[in-house]
Amino acid sequence: MNLFRSKNLFGNAIIRAFVALVAGAAMLVYGHNPALSADAANEISGAGMLAQELSDNEQVQPKSTEPLPLPADEKASSEAAKQSSEGDDGPKPQFDISALPERVQENLAKIIQAAQTGNLEAMRPVLESNGLKPMVRNGPSTDPIAYWKKQSVDGSGRDILADILNVFSSGFVEIERKDSTMYIWPYFAERDLTKLNPVEQVELFRIVPPKLAVKMMKSGKYTGYRAGISERGILHYFKK
């Protein structure tokens, strides 16, 4: 499954959630109005049938393999983030995953798919096929999975998987090294957080707890999880 296929699965889940939300809203709005109750029932019934149809049909294929355009609000968010960084000396944030090198996209898709399983052990074969063990701390670690389990709040590692998904859902930056190019998530890791605009502040609140985000914006330094993937698709680190 490639990254675009993963996005399509996200899309189906979002559609089902949206249909359920519409049905619930219809019940709240029309439930107190007898004159509209029949129409409301029809709408709720139709929404339920659509949700069931989407749930049962696992063979629906997209008409195109091209990535869908960003919704207007996400597009505006991306543009605002790009414009706000124009006054900084740091690298400009990027949001187009399809512009990444093919090897980076392939490994990123594997990482995301493993994180979505809810099973930390699903990440083990991904890391073993990485070419080298990624750094997960500021020091040696022979077993990243074991380390993440110890760092997890309940030992399951699911909160670490959530952190992985949150970090890779943000924008990234491209950093030129001496002998290679590194792609770093989130872009906050290479930004002065005292200069974030309101849109970027919201994006920061999405990936770190609010109190910690406020401290970061006051200090100007990002201290949360960050990830680095080389142009060859190798995950070099995922750590704080």
Protein backbone atom coordinates (compact mmCIF):
# COMPACT_ATOMS: atom_id res chain seq x y z
CA MET A 1 0.00 0.00 0.00
CA ASN A 2 1.49 3.33 -0.97
CA LEU A 3 1.08 6.66 0.74
CA PHE A 4 -1.73 7.76 -1.58
CA ARG A 5 -3.66 4.52 -0.84
CA SER A 6 -3.24 5.26 2.87
CA LYS A 7 -4.71 8.70 2.28
CA ASN A 8 -7.67 7.16 0.47
CA LEU A 9 -8.37 4.96 3.51
CA PHE A 10 -8.25 8.09 5.66
CA GLY A 11 -10.75 9.66 3.29
CA ASN A 12 -13.23 6.80 3.64
CA ALA A 13 -13.00 7.00 7.42
CA ILE A 14 -13.59 10.74 7.33
CA ILE A 15 -16.64 10.30 5.07
CA ARG A 16 -18.17 7.75 7.43
CA ALA A 17 -17.58 10.04 10.41
CA PHE A 18 -19.06 13.00 8.54
CA VAL A 19 -22.19 11.04 7.59
CA ALA A 20 -22.65 9.97 11.21
CA LEU A 21 -22.23 13.59 12.33
CA VAL A 22 -24.85 14.78 9.86
CA ALA A 23 -27.27 12.11 11.05
CA GLY A 24 -26.73 13.09 14.68
CA ALA A 25 -27.21 16.77 13.89
CA ALA A 26 -30.44 16.03 12.06
CA MET A 27 -31.79 14.17 15.10
CA LEU A 28 -30.97 17.10 17.39
CA VAL A 29 -32.42 19.76 15.09
CA TYR A 30 -35.57 18.00 13.93
CA GLY A 31 -36.34 15.85 16.97
CA HIS A 32 -38.18 18.73 18.66
CA ASN A 33 -40.20 19.70 15.60
CA PRO A 34 -43.07 17.28 14.80
CA ALA A 35 -43.70 18.93 11.41
CA LEU A 36 -40.22 18.01 10.27
CA SER A 37 -39.82 14.66 12.03
CA ALA A 38 -40.74 12.56 8.96
CA ASP A 39 -38.22 14.31 6.75
CA ALA A 40 -35.61 14.07 9.49
CA ALA A 41 -36.23 10.34 9.81
CA ASN A 42 -35.71 9.92 6.08
CA GLU A 43 -32.47 11.89 6.20
CA ILE A 44 -31.19 9.88 9.17
CA SER A 45 -32.17 6.61 7.50
CA GLY A 46 -30.47 7.63 4.26
CA ALA A 47 -27.33 8.69 6.11
CA GLY A 48 -27.25 5.40 7.97
CA MET A 49 -27.60 3.42 4.74
CA LEU A 50 -24.76 5.41 3.16
CA ALA A 51 -22.52 4.87 6.16
CA GLN A 52 -23.25 1.12 6.11
CA GLU A 53 -22.61 0.94 2.38
CA LEU A 54 -19.23 2.65 2.80
CA SER A 55 -18.35 0.38 5.69
CA ASP A 56 -19.23 -2.82 3.82
CA ASN A 57 -17.63 -1.87 0.54
CA GLU A 58 -13.88 -2.35 0.96
CA GLN A 59 -13.24 -2.59 -2.78
CA VAL A 60 -14.05 0.99 -3.71
CA GLN A 61 -11.23 2.31 -5.86
CA PRO A 62 -10.43 5.97 -6.48
CA LYS A 63 -11.01 7.24 -10.00
CA SER A 64 -7.51 8.65 -10.03
CA THR A 65 -4.24 7.92 -8.28
CA GLU A 66 -3.40 11.60 -8.22
CA PRO A 67 -3.41 13.18 -4.73
CA LEU A 68 -6.56 15.10 -3.91
CA PRO A 69 -6.21 18.89 -3.60
CA LEU A 70 -6.03 20.31 -0.13
CA PRO A 71 -9.30 21.66 1.30
CA ALA A 72 -9.46 25.43 1.24
CA ASP A 73 -8.72 25.80 4.94
CA GLU A 74 -5.69 23.49 4.84
CA LYS A 75 -4.41 25.21 1.72
CA ALA A 76 -4.77 28.57 3.43
CA SER A 77 -3.00 27.20 6.49
CA SER A 78 -0.10 25.97 4.40
CA GLU A 79 0.23 29.24 2.53
CA ALA A 80 0.05 31.24 5.75
CA ALA A 81 2.79 29.12 7.29
CA LYS A 82 5.00 29.58 4.24
CA GLN A 83 4.46 33.33 4.17
CA SER A 84 5.10 33.76 7.87
CA SER A 85 8.53 32.15 7.58
CA GLU A 86 9.71 34.62 4.96
CA GLY A 87 11.17 36.87 7.62
CA ASP A 88 13.11 34.03 9.27
CA ASP A 89 16.59 32.88 8.39
CA GLY A 90 15.57 29.24 8.74
CA PRO A 91 14.41 26.90 5.96
CA LYS A 92 10.91 27.33 4.57
CA PRO A 93 8.28 24.80 5.67
CA GLN A 94 6.93 22.44 3.02
CA PHE A 95 3.63 20.55 2.97
CA ASP A 96 3.60 18.63 -0.31
CA ILE A 97 4.44 15.01 0.55
CA SER A 98 4.33 14.04 -3.12
CA ALA A 99 7.32 16.32 -3.76
CA LEU A 100 9.55 14.18 -1.53
CA PRO A 101 11.99 11.71 -3.11
CA GLU A 102 10.39 8.34 -3.86
CA ARG A 103 12.43 6.47 -1.24
CA VAL A 104 11.41 8.97 1.42
CA GLN A 105 7.75 8.57 0.49
CA GLU A 106 8.01 4.78 0.59
CA ASN A 107 9.55 4.63 4.07
CA LEU A 108 7.23 7.33 5.35
CA ALA A 109 4.26 5.28 4.16
CA LYS A 110 5.57 2.19 5.99
CA ILE A 111 6.06 4.18 9.19
CA ILE A 112 2.57 5.67 9.04
CA GLN A 113 0.93 2.33 8.25
CA ALA A 114 2.73 0.66 11.18
CA ALA A 115 1.75 3.47 13.56
CA GLN A 116 -1.89 3.18 12.52
CA THR A 117 -2.08 -0.46 13.65
CA GLY A 118 -2.01 0.53 17.32
CA ASN A 119 0.64 -2.16 17.88
CA LEU A 120 4.15 -0.91 18.62
CA GLU A 121 5.62 -4.23 17.50
CA ALA A 122 4.35 -3.49 13.99
CA MET A 123 7.06 -0.83 13.88
CA ARG A 124 9.85 -3.36 14.47
CA PRO A 125 10.08 -4.77 10.89
CA VAL A 126 9.96 -1.23 9.54
CA LEU A 127 12.93 -0.22 11.67
CA GLU A 128 14.81 -3.44 10.88
CA SER A 129 14.45 -2.76 7.15
CA ASN A 130 15.60 0.80 7.66
CA GLY A 131 19.28 0.04 7.05
CA LEU A 132 20.30 1.24 10.51
CA LYS A 133 18.69 1.66 13.90
CA PRO A 134 17.29 5.16 14.25
CA MET A 135 18.25 7.25 17.24
CA VAL A 136 15.39 7.38 19.73
CA ARG A 137 17.30 9.15 22.50
CA ASN A 138 20.38 11.28 23.05
CA GLY A 139 22.52 8.22 23.60
CA PRO A 140 22.90 4.60 22.49
CA SER A 141 19.84 2.37 22.29
CA THR A 142 20.12 -1.22 21.11
CA ASP A 143 16.36 -1.76 20.93
CA PRO A 144 14.23 1.29 19.95
CA ILE A 145 10.98 -0.63 20.48
CA ALA A 146 11.92 -1.60 24.04
CA TYR A 147 12.96 1.98 24.76
CA TRP A 148 9.66 3.36 23.45
CA LYS A 149 7.74 0.90 25.61
CA LYS A 150 9.59 2.15 28.68
CA GLN A 151 8.85 5.75 27.71
CA SER A 152 5.18 4.99 27.11
CA VAL A 153 2.71 6.08 29.78
CA ASP A 154 1.22 2.59 30.06
CA GLY A 155 3.88 0.36 28.54
CA SER A 156 1.88 -0.28 25.36
CA GLY A 157 3.62 2.35 23.27
CA ARG A 158 0.38 3.59 21.74
CA ASP A 159 1.04 7.14 22.87
CA ILE A 160 4.39 6.96 21.05
CA LEU A 161 2.58 5.78 17.91
CA ALA A 162 0.24 8.77 18.29
CA ASP A 163 3.27 11.06 18.56
CA ILE A 164 4.69 9.54 15.38
CA LEU A 165 1.47 10.21 13.49
CA ASN A 166 1.20 13.75 14.89
CA VAL A 167 4.76 14.66 13.95
CA PHE A 168 4.51 13.32 10.41
CA SER A 169 1.16 15.05 9.88
CA SER A 170 2.87 18.43 10.14
CA GLY A 171 4.93 20.34 7.61
CA PHE A 172 8.61 19.55 7.10
CA VAL A 173 11.81 21.29 6.08
CA GLU A 174 14.64 20.31 3.76
CA ILE A 175 18.13 20.63 5.23
CA GLU A 176 21.29 20.31 3.15
CA ARG A 177 24.05 18.37 4.91
CA LYS A 178 27.65 17.95 3.77
CA ASP A 179 26.99 14.77 1.84
CA SER A 180 23.21 14.42 1.73
CA THR A 181 19.82 16.07 2.16
CA MET A 182 17.76 15.57 5.30
CA TYR A 183 14.00 16.05 5.61
CA ILE A 184 12.96 17.05 9.12
CA TRP A 185 9.54 16.91 10.80
CA PRO A 186 8.01 19.01 12.22
CA TYR A 187 9.21 22.22 10.66
CA PHE A 188 9.04 23.81 14.12
CA ALA A 189 12.30 22.01 14.93
CA GLU A 190 14.10 24.46 12.63
CA ARG A 191 12.11 27.60 13.42
CA ASP A 192 12.20 30.43 15.94
CA LEU A 193 8.95 29.74 17.77
CA THR A 194 8.70 33.30 19.07
CA LYS A 195 7.88 34.36 15.50
CA LEU A 196 4.99 31.97 14.83
CA ASN A 197 1.80 33.52 13.47
CA PRO A 198 -1.65 32.46 14.81
CA VAL A 199 -2.06 29.77 12.14
CA GLU A 200 1.28 28.20 13.01
CA GLN A 201 0.54 28.42 16.71
CA VAL A 202 -2.58 26.34 16.14
CA GLU A 203 -0.48 23.80 14.23
CA LEU A 204 1.95 23.65 17.15
CA PHE A 205 -0.91 23.08 19.62
CA ARG A 206 -1.97 20.11 17.48
CA ILE A 207 1.26 18.18 18.08
CA VAL A 208 2.29 19.14 21.63
CA PRO A 209 0.30 19.72 24.85
CA PRO A 210 -0.88 23.36 25.19
CA LYS A 211 1.15 24.20 28.31
CA LEU A 212 4.31 22.84 26.69
CA ALA A 213 3.55 24.69 23.46
CA VAL A 214 3.27 27.99 25.36
CA LYS A 215 6.66 27.37 27.00
CA MET A 216 8.19 26.61 23.61
CA MET A 217 6.82 29.79 22.09
CA LYS A 218 8.23 31.83 24.98
CA SER A 219 11.67 30.23 24.74
CA GLY A 220 11.64 30.08 20.95
CA LYS A 221 12.85 26.46 20.92
CA TYR A 222 10.95 23.32 19.96
CA THR A 223 11.55 20.52 22.46
CA GLY A 224 9.05 17.90 21.32
CA TYR A 225 9.49 14.83 19.16
CA ARG A 226 11.26 15.37 15.86
CA ALA A 227 12.15 13.04 12.99
CA GLY A 228 14.78 13.07 10.26
CA ILE A 229 14.68 11.04 7.05
CA SER A 230 17.55 11.23 4.56
CA GLU A 231 17.03 11.55 0.82
CA ARG A 232 17.75 7.80 0.57
CA GLY A 233 14.68 7.11 2.70
CA ILE A 234 16.54 6.17 5.88
CA LEU A 235 14.93 7.21 9.17
CA HIS A 236 17.91 8.55 11.12
CA TYR A 237 16.07 9.57 14.27
CA PHE A 238 12.76 10.00 16.02
CA LYS A 239 13.43 11.54 19.39
CA LYS A 240 13.02 14.57 21.59
